Amino acid sequence: MNILHDENGNGKIDKGLFLPKEGIGFSNYNTIGLGNRPNFRKASFEVEQDLRIRVQVV
C-alpha cells in the first residue's frame, strides 16, 4: 500500500529531483530515500479477508 499527502491540495504529485516534495509512505517502510527505495515485493502484502485499514497522515 502507498499513500501520498497532497499537502498543497493541487491534485498533483509535486516532485523534486528524485522523490516527491510532499509526504509519501509505503507499507513495510519506516524511511524512504535513495538508498532505501520502495519496490513492489517489499511493500506488498496479502489480504485474505475483508479488511479496513485506518491511516493517519500527520
N, C-alpha and C. Protein backbone atom coordinates (compact mmCIF):
# COMPACT_ATOMS: atom_id res chain seq x y z
N MET A 1 0.85 -1.16 0.00
CA MET A 1 0.00 0.00 0.00
C MET A 1 0.90 1.23 0.00
N ASN A 2 0.48 2.26 -0.71
CA ASN A 2 1.22 3.51 -0.67
C ASN A 2 0.24 4.65 -0.45
N ILE A 3 0.76 5.76 0.00
CA ILE A 3 -0.07 6.93 0.28
C ILE A 3 0.72 8.18 -0.07
N LEU A 4 0.03 9.18 -0.58
CA LEU A 4 0.62 10.49 -0.86
C LEU A 4 -0.21 11.54 -0.15
N HIS A 5 0.44 12.41 0.57
CA HIS A 5 -0.23 13.52 1.23
C HIS A 5 -0.09 14.73 0.32
N ASP A 6 -1.18 15.10 -0.35
CA ASP A 6 -1.19 16.27 -1.24
C ASP A 6 -1.25 17.51 -0.37
N GLU A 7 -0.11 17.91 0.18
CA GLU A 7 -0.04 18.95 1.20
C GLU A 7 -0.55 20.29 0.72
N ASN A 8 -0.34 20.63 -0.54
CA ASN A 8 -0.79 21.94 -1.03
C ASN A 8 -2.13 21.85 -1.76
N GLY A 9 -2.73 20.66 -1.85
CA GLY A 9 -4.07 20.49 -2.39
C GLY A 9 -4.21 20.79 -3.87
N ASN A 10 -3.13 20.67 -4.64
CA ASN A 10 -3.22 20.98 -6.07
C ASN A 10 -3.59 19.78 -6.94
N GLY A 11 -3.80 18.61 -6.32
CA GLY A 11 -4.22 17.43 -7.06
C GLY A 11 -3.12 16.78 -7.88
N LYS A 12 -1.86 17.15 -7.64
CA LYS A 12 -0.73 16.59 -8.39
C LYS A 12 0.35 16.11 -7.42
N ILE A 13 1.22 15.26 -7.92
CA ILE A 13 2.40 14.86 -7.17
C ILE A 13 3.51 15.85 -7.53
N ASP A 14 3.87 16.72 -6.60
CA ASP A 14 4.95 17.67 -6.82
C ASP A 14 6.27 16.97 -6.56
N LYS A 15 7.10 16.89 -7.59
CA LYS A 15 8.34 16.12 -7.50
C LYS A 15 9.56 17.01 -7.36
N GLY A 16 10.54 16.52 -6.59
CA GLY A 16 11.85 17.12 -6.52
C GLY A 16 12.73 16.43 -7.55
N LEU A 17 14.00 16.34 -7.28
CA LEU A 17 14.93 15.70 -8.21
C LEU A 17 14.62 14.22 -8.39
N PHE A 18 14.43 13.48 -7.28
CA PHE A 18 14.17 12.04 -7.34
C PHE A 18 12.88 11.63 -6.63
N LEU A 19 12.53 12.31 -5.57
CA LEU A 19 11.39 11.93 -4.73
C LEU A 19 10.35 13.04 -4.72
N PRO A 20 9.10 12.70 -4.42
CA PRO A 20 8.07 13.73 -4.27
C PRO A 20 8.45 14.72 -3.16
N LYS A 21 8.05 15.98 -3.34
CA LYS A 21 8.31 17.01 -2.33
C LYS A 21 7.33 16.90 -1.16
N GLU A 22 6.19 16.27 -1.40
CA GLU A 22 5.17 16.13 -0.37
C GLU A 22 5.31 14.77 0.33
N GLY A 23 4.59 14.62 1.42
CA GLY A 23 4.72 13.40 2.21
C GLY A 23 4.26 12.14 1.47
N ILE A 24 5.05 11.10 1.56
CA ILE A 24 4.72 9.81 0.96
C ILE A 24 4.98 8.71 1.98
N GLY A 25 4.33 7.58 1.79
CA GLY A 25 4.56 6.43 2.66
C GLY A 25 4.22 5.15 1.94
N PHE A 26 4.89 4.08 2.31
CA PHE A 26 4.67 2.76 1.75
C PHE A 26 4.60 1.75 2.88
N SER A 27 3.75 0.74 2.72
CA SER A 27 3.67 -0.29 3.76
C SER A 27 5.02 -0.98 3.89
N ASN A 28 5.36 -1.37 5.10
CA ASN A 28 6.59 -2.08 5.45
C ASN A 28 7.84 -1.22 5.33
N TYR A 29 7.70 0.11 5.29
CA TYR A 29 8.85 1.01 5.24
C TYR A 29 8.73 2.06 6.33
N ASN A 30 9.78 2.22 7.13
CA ASN A 30 9.81 3.30 8.12
C ASN A 30 10.40 4.56 7.53
N THR A 31 11.38 4.41 6.64
CA THR A 31 12.00 5.55 5.99
C THR A 31 12.16 5.24 4.50
N ILE A 32 12.21 6.29 3.70
CA ILE A 32 12.39 6.16 2.26
C ILE A 32 13.46 7.14 1.83
N GLY A 33 14.38 6.70 1.01
CA GLY A 33 15.43 7.56 0.49
C GLY A 33 16.09 6.90 -0.70
N LEU A 34 17.12 7.53 -1.21
CA LEU A 34 17.80 6.99 -2.39
C LEU A 34 18.38 5.60 -2.13
N GLY A 35 18.85 5.35 -0.91
CA GLY A 35 19.40 4.05 -0.57
C GLY A 35 18.37 3.05 -0.09
N ASN A 36 17.13 3.48 0.08
CA ASN A 36 16.06 2.62 0.58
C ASN A 36 14.78 2.91 -0.20
N ARG A 37 14.82 2.62 -1.49
CA ARG A 37 13.67 2.89 -2.36
C ARG A 37 12.67 1.75 -2.30
N PRO A 38 11.39 2.07 -2.26
CA PRO A 38 10.36 1.03 -2.21
C PRO A 38 10.30 0.22 -3.49
N ASN A 39 9.97 -1.04 -3.35
CA ASN A 39 9.68 -1.87 -4.52
C ASN A 39 8.43 -2.70 -4.20
N PHE A 40 7.80 -3.23 -5.22
CA PHE A 40 6.52 -3.91 -5.05
C PHE A 40 6.64 -5.10 -4.10
N ARG A 41 7.67 -5.90 -4.25
CA ARG A 41 7.83 -7.11 -3.43
C ARG A 41 7.89 -6.77 -1.94
N LYS A 42 8.65 -5.75 -1.58
CA LYS A 42 8.80 -5.40 -0.17
C LYS A 42 7.60 -4.65 0.39
N ALA A 43 6.90 -3.86 -0.44
CA ALA A 43 5.78 -3.05 0.05
C ALA A 43 4.44 -3.78 0.00
N SER A 44 4.37 -4.87 -0.73
CA SER A 44 3.09 -5.56 -0.88
C SER A 44 2.83 -6.52 0.29
N PHE A 45 1.58 -6.86 0.46
CA PHE A 45 1.19 -7.84 1.46
C PHE A 45 -0.10 -8.50 0.99
N GLU A 46 -0.37 -9.70 1.48
CA GLU A 46 -1.53 -10.46 1.07
C GLU A 46 -2.71 -10.17 1.99
N VAL A 47 -3.87 -9.99 1.39
CA VAL A 47 -5.10 -9.77 2.14
C VAL A 47 -6.00 -10.97 1.90
N GLU A 48 -6.33 -11.71 2.96
CA GLU A 48 -7.09 -12.95 2.82
C GLU A 48 -8.55 -12.81 3.22
N GLN A 49 -8.97 -11.62 3.66
CA GLN A 49 -10.35 -11.39 4.04
C GLN A 49 -10.64 -9.90 3.91
N ASP A 50 -11.94 -9.52 4.03
CA ASP A 50 -12.27 -8.10 4.00
C ASP A 50 -11.53 -7.42 5.12
N LEU A 51 -10.98 -6.26 4.82
CA LEU A 51 -10.11 -5.57 5.79
C LEU A 51 -10.32 -4.08 5.68
N ARG A 52 -10.37 -3.40 6.80
CA ARG A 52 -10.44 -1.94 6.85
C ARG A 52 -9.16 -1.47 7.52
N ILE A 53 -8.46 -0.57 6.86
CA ILE A 53 -7.21 -0.04 7.39
C ILE A 53 -7.37 1.47 7.58
N ARG A 54 -7.06 1.95 8.75
CA ARG A 54 -7.12 3.37 9.03
C ARG A 54 -5.69 3.92 8.97
N VAL A 55 -5.50 4.96 8.17
CA VAL A 55 -4.19 5.57 8.02
C VAL A 55 -4.28 6.99 8.50
N GLN A 56 -3.40 7.38 9.42
CA GLN A 56 -3.37 8.75 9.93
C GLN A 56 -2.17 9.44 9.30
N VAL A 57 -2.44 10.54 8.60
CA VAL A 57 -1.37 11.32 7.98
C VAL A 57 -1.14 12.53 8.86
N VAL A 58 0.09 12.66 9.35
CA VAL A 58 0.43 13.79 10.24
C VAL A 58 1.51 14.65 9.63
